[in-house]
Amino acid sequence: MATIELVHDVPLAPTMVFEPVYHQVMQLTLAEKQEMWNVKGSVFAWLFSDGQLAGECYGFPLATSGKLSAEFSDLPDAAKNKAIHC
């Protein structure tokens, strides 16, 4: 049976292997991913299967990004303050 583990403290450079999987608009450079990592309240998790990096999920508080907030303008402010854009 495969061992699956979620890890929250992986160096960012090896995680760049996932960027080609994302739509071009969503792909990040290492510097952009580091900037997102540094946002207060950001959440990062990496999936390992049998010790091998197999997936990632990350997000940041919606309220910290003016450019994304426009996409969610119909949300009440209280929801924007709690929402995470993944």
PDB file of N, CA and C in Angstrom:
ATOM      1  N   MET A   1       0.845  -1.171   0.000  1.00  0.00           N
ATOM      2  CA  MET A   1       0.000   0.000   0.000  1.00  0.00           C
ATOM      3  C   MET A   1       0.895   1.240   0.000  1.00  0.00           C
ATOM      4  N   ALA A   2       0.538   2.235  -0.790  1.00  0.00           N
ATOM      5  CA  ALA A   2       1.310   3.478  -0.883  1.00  0.00           C
ATOM      6  C   ALA A   2       1.183   4.286   0.393  1.00  0.00           C
ATOM      7  N   THR A   3       2.242   4.946   0.766  1.00  0.00           N
ATOM      8  CA  THR A   3       2.234   5.860   1.894  1.00  0.00           C
ATOM      9  C   THR A   3       2.023   7.266   1.355  1.00  0.00           C
ATOM     10  N   ILE A   4       1.036   7.955   1.882  1.00  0.00           N
ATOM     11  CA  ILE A   4       0.736   9.322   1.456  1.00  0.00           C
ATOM     12  C   ILE A   4       0.944  10.246   2.649  1.00  0.00           C
ATOM     13  N   GLU A   5       1.624  11.365   2.404  1.00  0.00           N
ATOM     14  CA  GLU A   5       1.958  12.288   3.479  1.00  0.00           C
ATOM     15  C   GLU A   5       1.816  13.722   2.970  1.00  0.00           C
ATOM     16  N   LEU A   6       1.270  14.614   3.801  1.00  0.00           N
ATOM     17  CA  LEU A   6       1.223  16.040   3.490  1.00  0.00           C
ATOM     18  C   LEU A   6       2.327  16.723   4.277  1.00  0.00           C
ATOM     19  N   VAL A   7       3.102  17.558   3.611  1.00  0.00           N
ATOM     20  CA  VAL A   7       4.226  18.246   4.232  1.00  0.00           C
ATOM     21  C   VAL A   7       4.071  19.743   3.967  1.00  0.00           C
ATOM     22  N   HIS A   8       4.409  20.559   4.959  1.00  0.00           N
ATOM     23  CA  HIS A   8       4.210  22.002   4.843  1.00  0.00           C
ATOM     24  C   HIS A   8       5.507  22.801   4.778  1.00  0.00           C
ATOM     25  N   ASP A   9       6.652  22.151   4.817  1.00  0.00           N
ATOM     26  CA  ASP A   9       7.917  22.892   4.862  1.00  0.00           C
ATOM     27  C   ASP A   9       8.929  22.368   3.843  1.00  0.00           C
ATOM     28  N   VAL A  10       8.529  22.333   2.614  1.00  0.00           N
ATOM     29  CA  VAL A  10       9.377  21.839   1.525  1.00  0.00           C
ATOM     30  C   VAL A  10      10.101  23.027   0.890  1.00  0.00           C
ATOM     31  N   PRO A  11      11.385  22.910   0.561  1.00  0.00           N
ATOM     32  CA  PRO A  11      12.043  23.990  -0.188  1.00  0.00           C
ATOM     33  C   PRO A  11      11.286  24.244  -1.494  1.00  0.00           C
ATOM     34  N   LEU A  12      11.142  25.497  -1.872  1.00  0.00           N
ATOM     35  CA  LEU A  12      10.309  25.831  -3.032  1.00  0.00           C
ATOM     36  C   LEU A  12      10.908  25.410  -4.369  1.00  0.00           C
ATOM     37  N   ALA A  13      12.220  25.446  -4.525  1.00  0.00           N
ATOM     38  CA  ALA A  13      12.827  25.147  -5.827  1.00  0.00           C
ATOM     39  C   ALA A  13      12.375  23.798  -6.401  1.00  0.00           C
ATOM     40  N   PRO A  14      12.396  22.704  -5.629  1.00  0.00           N
ATOM     41  CA  PRO A  14      11.961  21.425  -6.212  1.00  0.00           C
ATOM     42  C   PRO A  14      10.479  21.401  -6.611  1.00  0.00           C
ATOM     43  N   THR A  15       9.675  22.281  -6.006  1.00  0.00           N
ATOM     44  CA  THR A  15       8.238  22.280  -6.308  1.00  0.00           C
ATOM     45  C   THR A  15       7.921  22.946  -7.637  1.00  0.00           C
ATOM     46  N   MET A  16       8.918  23.563  -8.254  1.00  0.00           N
ATOM     47  CA  MET A  16       8.692  24.226  -9.536  1.00  0.00           C
ATOM     48  C   MET A  16       8.377  23.222 -10.645  1.00  0.00           C
ATOM     49  N   VAL A  17       8.584  21.938 -10.397  1.00  0.00           N
ATOM     50  CA  VAL A  17       8.258  20.915 -11.406  1.00  0.00           C
ATOM     51  C   VAL A  17       6.772  20.906 -11.738  1.00  0.00           C
ATOM     52  N   PHE A  18       5.945  21.454 -10.847  1.00  0.00           N
ATOM     53  CA  PHE A  18       4.505  21.445 -11.080  1.00  0.00           C
ATOM     54  C   PHE A  18       4.029  22.597 -11.960  1.00  0.00           C
ATOM     55  N   GLU A  19       4.800  23.643 -12.112  1.00  0.00           N
ATOM     56  CA  GLU A  19       4.339  24.825 -12.835  1.00  0.00           C
ATOM     57  C   GLU A  19       3.867  24.519 -14.260  1.00  0.00           C
ATOM     58  N   PRO A  20       4.533  23.664 -15.033  1.00  0.00           N
ATOM     59  CA  PRO A  20       4.047  23.378 -16.395  1.00  0.00           C
ATOM     60  C   PRO A  20       2.654  22.728 -16.439  1.00  0.00           C
ATOM     61  N   VAL A  21       2.205  22.189 -15.324  1.00  0.00           N
ATOM     62  CA  VAL A  21       0.889  21.554 -15.264  1.00  0.00           C
ATOM     63  C   VAL A  21      -0.219  22.604 -15.246  1.00  0.00           C
ATOM     64  N   TYR A  22       0.087  23.769 -14.687  1.00  0.00           N
ATOM     65  CA  TYR A  22      -0.910  24.827 -14.549  1.00  0.00           C
ATOM     66  C   TYR A  22      -1.104  25.574 -15.871  1.00  0.00           C
ATOM     67  N   HIS A  23      -2.275  26.144 -16.027  1.00  0.00           N
ATOM     68  CA  HIS A  23      -2.544  27.012 -17.169  1.00  0.00           C
ATOM     69  C   HIS A  23      -1.489  28.123 -17.162  1.00  0.00           C
ATOM     70  N   GLN A  24      -1.086  28.574 -18.336  1.00  0.00           N
ATOM     71  CA  GLN A  24      -0.032  29.578 -18.470  1.00  0.00           C
ATOM     72  C   GLN A  24      -0.255  30.800 -17.583  1.00  0.00           C
ATOM     73  N   VAL A  25      -1.493  31.227 -17.468  1.00  0.00           N
ATOM     74  CA  VAL A  25      -1.821  32.410 -16.674  1.00  0.00           C
ATOM     75  C   VAL A  25      -1.531  32.181 -15.185  1.00  0.00           C
ATOM     76  N   MET A  26      -1.608  30.933 -14.750  1.00  0.00           N
ATOM     77  CA  MET A  26      -1.427  30.608 -13.329  1.00  0.00           C
ATOM     78  C   MET A  26       0.001  30.182 -12.975  1.00  0.00           C
ATOM     79  N   GLN A  27       0.852  30.006 -13.955  1.00  0.00           N
ATOM     80  CA  GLN A  27       2.219  29.565 -13.675  1.00  0.00           C
ATOM     81  C   GLN A  27       3.007  30.680 -12.983  1.00  0.00           C
ATOM     82  N   LEU A  28       3.813  30.296 -12.013  1.00  0.00           N
ATOM     83  CA  LEU A  28       4.612  31.242 -11.249  1.00  0.00           C
ATOM     84  C   LEU A  28       6.098  31.007 -11.490  1.00  0.00           C
ATOM     85  N   THR A  29       6.871  32.063 -11.331  1.00  0.00           N
ATOM     86  CA  THR A  29       8.323  31.919 -11.271  1.00  0.00           C
ATOM     87  C   THR A  29       8.665  31.568  -9.827  1.00  0.00           C
ATOM     88  N   LEU A  30       9.881  31.156  -9.598  1.00  0.00           N
ATOM     89  CA  LEU A  30      10.304  30.851  -8.227  1.00  0.00           C
ATOM     90  C   LEU A  30      10.173  32.097  -7.353  1.00  0.00           C
ATOM     91  N   ALA A  31      10.541  33.251  -7.880  1.00  0.00           N
ATOM     92  CA  ALA A  31      10.432  34.497  -7.109  1.00  0.00           C
ATOM     93  C   ALA A  31       8.975  34.810  -6.755  1.00  0.00           C
ATOM     94  N   GLU A  32       8.064  34.585  -7.692  1.00  0.00           N
ATOM     95  CA  GLU A  32       6.642  34.833  -7.424  1.00  0.00           C
ATOM     96  C   GLU A  32       6.103  33.860  -6.385  1.00  0.00           C
ATOM     97  N   LYS A  33       6.528  32.609  -6.469  1.00  0.00           N
ATOM     98  CA  LYS A  33       6.079  31.616  -5.488  1.00  0.00           C
ATOM     99  C   LYS A  33       6.625  31.970  -4.102  1.00  0.00           C
ATOM    100  N   GLN A  34       7.868  32.433  -4.037  1.00  0.00           N
ATOM    101  CA  GLN A  34       8.460  32.854  -2.767  1.00  0.00           C
ATOM    102  C   GLN A  34       7.702  34.041  -2.189  1.00  0.00           C
ATOM    103  N   GLU A  35       7.337  34.984  -3.065  1.00  0.00           N
ATOM    104  CA  GLU A  35       6.562  36.143  -2.619  1.00  0.00           C
ATOM    105  C   GLU A  35       5.225  35.701  -2.030  1.00  0.00           C
ATOM    106  N   MET A  36       4.565  34.749  -2.685  1.00  0.00           N
ATOM    107  CA  MET A  36       3.298  34.231  -2.180  1.00  0.00           C
ATOM    108  C   MET A  36       3.507  33.516  -0.841  1.00  0.00           C
ATOM    109  N   TRP A  37       4.610  32.760  -0.725  1.00  0.00           N
ATOM    110  CA  TRP A  37       4.946  32.054   0.509  1.00  0.00           C
ATOM    111  C   TRP A  37       5.068  33.047   1.671  1.00  0.00           C
ATOM    112  N   ASN A  38       5.588  34.239   1.377  1.00  0.00           N
ATOM    113  CA  ASN A  38       5.839  35.247   2.400  1.00  0.00           C
ATOM    114  C   ASN A  38       4.599  36.021   2.828  1.00  0.00           C
ATOM    115  N   VAL A  39       3.491  35.876   2.103  1.00  0.00           N
ATOM    116  CA  VAL A  39       2.262  36.585   2.453  1.00  0.00           C
ATOM    117  C   VAL A  39       1.729  36.033   3.770  1.00  0.00           C
ATOM    118  N   LYS A  40       1.464  36.944   4.704  1.00  0.00           N
ATOM    119  CA  LYS A  40       0.904  36.534   5.997  1.00  0.00           C
ATOM    120  C   LYS A  40      -0.417  35.798   5.776  1.00  0.00           C
ATOM    121  N   GLY A  41      -0.547  34.614   6.349  1.00  0.00           N
ATOM    122  CA  GLY A  41      -1.768  33.822   6.218  1.00  0.00           C
ATOM    123  C   GLY A  41      -1.773  32.863   5.044  1.00  0.00           C
ATOM    124  N   SER A  42      -0.689  32.848   4.242  1.00  0.00           N
ATOM    125  CA  SER A  42      -0.655  31.908   3.118  1.00  0.00           C
ATOM    126  C   SER A  42      -0.574  30.471   3.641  1.00  0.00           C
ATOM    127  N   VAL A  43      -1.063  29.555   2.816  1.00  0.00           N
ATOM    128  CA  VAL A  43      -1.102  28.139   3.170  1.00  0.00           C
ATOM    129  C   VAL A  43      -0.466  27.345   2.036  1.00  0.00           C
ATOM    130  N   PHE A  44       0.515  26.525   2.362  1.00  0.00           N
ATOM    131  CA  PHE A  44       1.170  25.669   1.379  1.00  0.00           C
ATOM    132  C   PHE A  44       1.171  24.245   1.901  1.00  0.00           C
ATOM    133  N   ALA A  45       0.890  23.288   1.039  1.00  0.00           N
ATOM    134  CA  ALA A  45       0.975  21.872   1.407  1.00  0.00           C
ATOM    135  C   ALA A  45       1.425  21.080   0.183  1.00  0.00           C
ATOM    136  N   TRP A  46       2.329  20.145   0.417  1.00  0.00           N
ATOM    137  CA  TRP A  46       2.810  19.288  -0.663  1.00  0.00           C
ATOM    138  C   TRP A  46       2.500  17.847  -0.325  1.00  0.00           C
ATOM    139  N   LEU A  47       2.084  17.113  -1.329  1.00  0.00           N
ATOM    140  CA  LEU A  47       1.737  15.709  -1.187  1.00  0.00           C
ATOM    141  C   LEU A  47       2.937  14.862  -1.593  1.00  0.00           C
ATOM    142  N   PHE A  48       3.277  13.940  -0.742  1.00  0.00           N
ATOM    143  CA  PHE A  48       4.315  12.960  -1.053  1.00  0.00           C
ATOM    144  C   PHE A  48       3.662  11.591  -1.090  1.00  0.00           C
ATOM    145  N   SER A  49       4.004  10.808  -2.086  1.00  0.00           N
ATOM    146  CA  SER A  49       3.542   9.430  -2.193  1.00  0.00           C
ATOM    147  C   SER A  49       4.778   8.543  -2.226  1.00  0.00           C
ATOM    148  N   ASP A  50       4.862   7.653  -1.270  1.00  0.00           N
ATOM    149  CA  ASP A  50       6.034   6.782  -1.130  1.00  0.00           C
ATOM    150  C   ASP A  50       7.338   7.584  -1.154  1.00  0.00           C
ATOM    151  N   GLY A  51       7.321   8.740  -0.478  1.00  0.00           N
ATOM    152  CA  GLY A  51       8.518   9.552  -0.359  1.00  0.00           C
ATOM    153  C   GLY A  51       8.829  10.442  -1.540  1.00  0.00           C
ATOM    154  N   GLN A  52       8.017  10.387  -2.591  1.00  0.00           N
ATOM    155  CA  GLN A  52       8.249  11.189  -3.800  1.00  0.00           C
ATOM    156  C   GLN A  52       7.256  12.353  -3.855  1.00  0.00           C
ATOM    157  N   LEU A  53       7.748  13.540  -4.166  1.00  0.00           N
ATOM    158  CA  LEU A  53       6.896  14.708  -4.318  1.00  0.00           C
ATOM    159  C   LEU A  53       5.879  14.428  -5.422  1.00  0.00           C
ATOM    160  N   ALA A  54       4.579  14.520  -5.092  1.00  0.00           N
ATOM    161  CA  ALA A  54       3.547  14.105  -6.034  1.00  0.00           C
ATOM    162  C   ALA A  54       2.492  15.174  -6.324  1.00  0.00           C
ATOM    163  N   GLY A  55       2.442  16.229  -5.539  1.00  0.00           N
ATOM    164  CA  GLY A  55       1.428  17.243  -5.780  1.00  0.00           C
ATOM    165  C   GLY A  55       1.565  18.401  -4.823  1.00  0.00           C
ATOM    166  N   GLU A  56       0.860  19.479  -5.121  1.00  0.00           N
ATOM    167  CA  GLU A  56       0.910  20.649  -4.254  1.00  0.00           C
ATOM    168  C   GLU A  56      -0.413  21.383  -4.264  1.00  0.00           C
ATOM    169  N   CYS A  57      -0.623  22.135  -3.217  1.00  0.00           N
ATOM    170  CA  CYS A  57      -1.759  23.040  -3.117  1.00  0.00           C
ATOM    171  C   CYS A  57      -1.287  24.229  -2.293  1.00  0.00           C
ATOM    172  N   TYR A  58      -1.607  25.416  -2.757  1.00  0.00           N
ATOM    173  CA  TYR A  58      -1.249  26.595  -1.979  1.00  0.00           C
ATOM    174  C   TYR A  58      -2.264  27.683  -2.222  1.00  0.00           C
ATOM    175  N   GLY A  59      -2.330  28.582  -1.277  1.00  0.00           N
ATOM    176  CA  GLY A  59      -3.255  29.693  -1.392  1.00  0.00           C
ATOM    177  C   GLY A  59      -2.864  30.810  -0.457  1.00  0.00           C
ATOM    178  N   PHE A  60      -3.525  31.933  -0.626  1.00  0.00           N
ATOM    179  CA  PHE A  60      -3.249  33.092   0.201  1.00  0.00           C
ATOM    180  C   PHE A  60      -4.564  33.797   0.487  1.00  0.00           C
ATOM    181  N   PRO A  61      -4.606  34.575   1.564  1.00  0.00           N
ATOM    182  CA  PRO A  61      -5.849  35.269   1.911  1.00  0.00           C
ATOM    183  C   PRO A  61      -6.303  36.186   0.778  1.00  0.00           C
ATOM    184  N   LEU A  62      -7.539  36.075   0.419  1.00  0.00           N
ATOM    185  CA  LEU A  62      -8.110  36.856  -0.667  1.00  0.00           C
ATOM    186  C   LEU A  62      -7.954  38.351  -0.402  1.00  0.00           C
ATOM    187  N   ALA A  63      -8.067  38.755   0.824  1.00  0.00           N
ATOM    188  CA  ALA A  63      -7.996  40.173   1.175  1.00  0.00           C
ATOM    189  C   ALA A  63      -6.623  40.776   0.906  1.00  0.00           C
ATOM    190  N   THR A  64      -5.584  39.958   0.731  1.00  0.00           N
ATOM    191  CA  THR A  64      -4.230  40.483   0.524  1.00  0.00           C
ATOM    192  C   THR A  64      -3.937  40.781  -0.938  1.00  0.00           C
ATOM    193  N   SER A  65      -4.821  40.400  -1.839  1.00  0.00           N
ATOM    194  CA  SER A  65      -4.536  40.589  -3.254  1.00  0.00           C
ATOM    195  C   SER A  65      -5.596  41.462  -3.910  1.00  0.00           C
ATOM    196  N   GLY A  66      -5.264  42.704  -4.159  1.00  0.00           N
ATOM    197  CA  GLY A  66      -6.202  43.616  -4.814  1.00  0.00           C
ATOM    198  C   GLY A  66      -6.623  43.140  -6.189  1.00  0.00           C
ATOM    199  N   LYS A  67      -5.682  42.541  -6.954  1.00  0.00           N
ATOM    200  CA  LYS A  67      -6.016  42.156  -8.322  1.00  0.00           C
ATOM    201  C   LYS A  67      -6.985  40.978  -8.357  1.00  0.00           C
ATOM    202  N   LEU A  68      -6.929  40.093  -7.382  1.00  0.00           N
ATOM    203  CA  LEU A  68      -7.859  38.968  -7.364  1.00  0.00           C
ATOM    204  C   LEU A  68      -9.175  39.334  -6.686  1.00  0.00           C
ATOM    205  N   SER A  69      -9.144  40.295  -5.792  1.00  0.00           N
ATOM    206  CA  SER A  69     -10.365  40.674  -5.094  1.00  0.00           C
ATOM    207  C   SER A  69     -11.465  41.093  -6.060  1.00  0.00           C
ATOM    208  N   ALA A  70     -11.101  41.698  -7.206  1.00  0.00           N
ATOM    209  CA  ALA A  70     -12.101  42.128  -8.181  1.00  0.00           C
ATOM    210  C   ALA A  70     -12.910  40.938  -8.700  1.00  0.00           C
ATOM    211  N   GLU A  71     -12.274  39.770  -8.797  1.00  0.00           N
ATOM    212  CA  GLU A  71     -12.976  38.578  -9.272  1.00  0.00           C
ATOM    213  C   GLU A  71     -14.049  38.118  -8.286  1.00  0.00           C
ATOM    214  N   PHE A  72     -13.895  38.522  -7.043  1.00  0.00           N
ATOM    215  CA  PHE A  72     -14.801  38.080  -5.991  1.00  0.00           C
ATOM    216  C   PHE A  72     -15.528  39.264  -5.372  1.00  0.00           C
ATOM    217  N   SER A  73     -15.821  40.278  -6.176  1.00  0.00           N
ATOM    218  CA  SER A  73     -16.416  41.510  -5.662  1.00  0.00           C
ATOM    219  C   SER A  73     -17.795  41.304  -5.049  1.00  0.00           C
ATOM    220  N   ASP A  74     -18.464  40.217  -5.401  1.00  0.00           N
ATOM    221  CA  ASP A  74     -19.800  39.978  -4.855  1.00  0.00           C
ATOM    222  C   ASP A  74     -19.766  39.359  -3.462  1.00  0.00           C
ATOM    223  N   LEU A  75     -18.582  38.998  -2.970  1.00  0.00           N
ATOM    224  CA  LEU A  75     -18.476  38.442  -1.623  1.00  0.00           C
ATOM    225  C   LEU A  75     -18.564  39.559  -0.591  1.00  0.00           C
ATOM    226  N   PRO A  76     -19.245  39.310   0.527  1.00  0.00           N
ATOM    227  CA  PRO A  76     -19.244  40.306   1.607  1.00  0.00           C
ATOM    228  C   PRO A  76     -17.821  40.473   2.152  1.00  0.00           C
ATOM    229  N   ASP A  77     -17.512  41.645   2.670  1.00  0.00           N
ATOM    230  CA  ASP A  77     -16.170  41.912   3.199  1.00  0.00           C
ATOM    231  C   ASP A  77     -15.760  40.882   4.243  1.00  0.00           C
ATOM    232  N   ALA A  78     -16.687  40.470   5.106  1.00  0.00           N
ATOM    233  CA  ALA A  78     -16.362  39.486   6.139  1.00  0.00           C
ATOM    234  C   ALA A  78     -15.883  38.178   5.513  1.00  0.00           C
ATOM    235  N   ALA A  79     -16.491  37.780   4.396  1.00  0.00           N
ATOM    236  CA  ALA A  79     -16.078  36.551   3.711  1.00  0.00           C
ATOM    237  C   ALA A  79     -14.719  36.744   3.047  1.00  0.00           C
ATOM    238  N   LYS A  80     -14.488  37.911   2.453  1.00  0.00           N
ATOM    239  CA  LYS A  80     -13.191  38.187   1.826  1.00  0.00           C
ATOM    240  C   LYS A  80     -12.056  38.102   2.837  1.00  0.00           C
ATOM    241  N   ASN A  81     -12.322  38.540   4.069  1.00  0.00           N
ATOM    242  CA  ASN A  81     -11.300  38.522   5.104  1.00  0.00           C
ATOM    243  C   ASN A  81     -10.967  37.108   5.577  1.00  0.00           C
ATOM    244  N   LYS A  82     -11.852  36.158   5.318  1.00  0.00           N
ATOM    245  CA  LYS A  82     -11.626  34.776   5.746  1.00  0.00           C
ATOM    246  C   LYS A  82     -11.284  33.847   4.593  1.00  0.00           C
ATOM    247  N   ALA A  83     -11.553  34.264   3.366  1.00  0.00           N
ATOM    248  CA  ALA A  83     -11.393  33.400   2.195  1.00  0.00           C
ATOM    249  C   ALA A  83      -9.924  33.263   1.799  1.00  0.00           C
ATOM    250  N   ILE A  84      -9.582  32.087   1.260  1.00  0.00           N
ATOM    251  CA  ILE A  84      -8.252  31.833   0.739  1.00  0.00           C
ATOM    252  C   ILE A  84      -8.397  31.484  -0.737  1.00  0.00           C
ATOM    253  N   HIS A  85      -7.616  32.149  -1.578  1.00  0.00           N
ATOM    254  CA  HIS A  85      -7.616  31.861  -3.009  1.00  0.00           C
ATOM    255  C   HIS A  85      -6.543  30.807  -3.270  1.00  0.00           C
ATOM    256  N   CYS A  86      -6.953  29.627  -3.720  1.00  0.00           N
ATOM    257  CA  CYS A  86      -6.010  28.523  -3.973  1.00  0.00           C
ATOM    258  C   CYS A  86      -5.738  28.389  -5.448  1.00  0.00           C
TER     259      CYS A  86
END
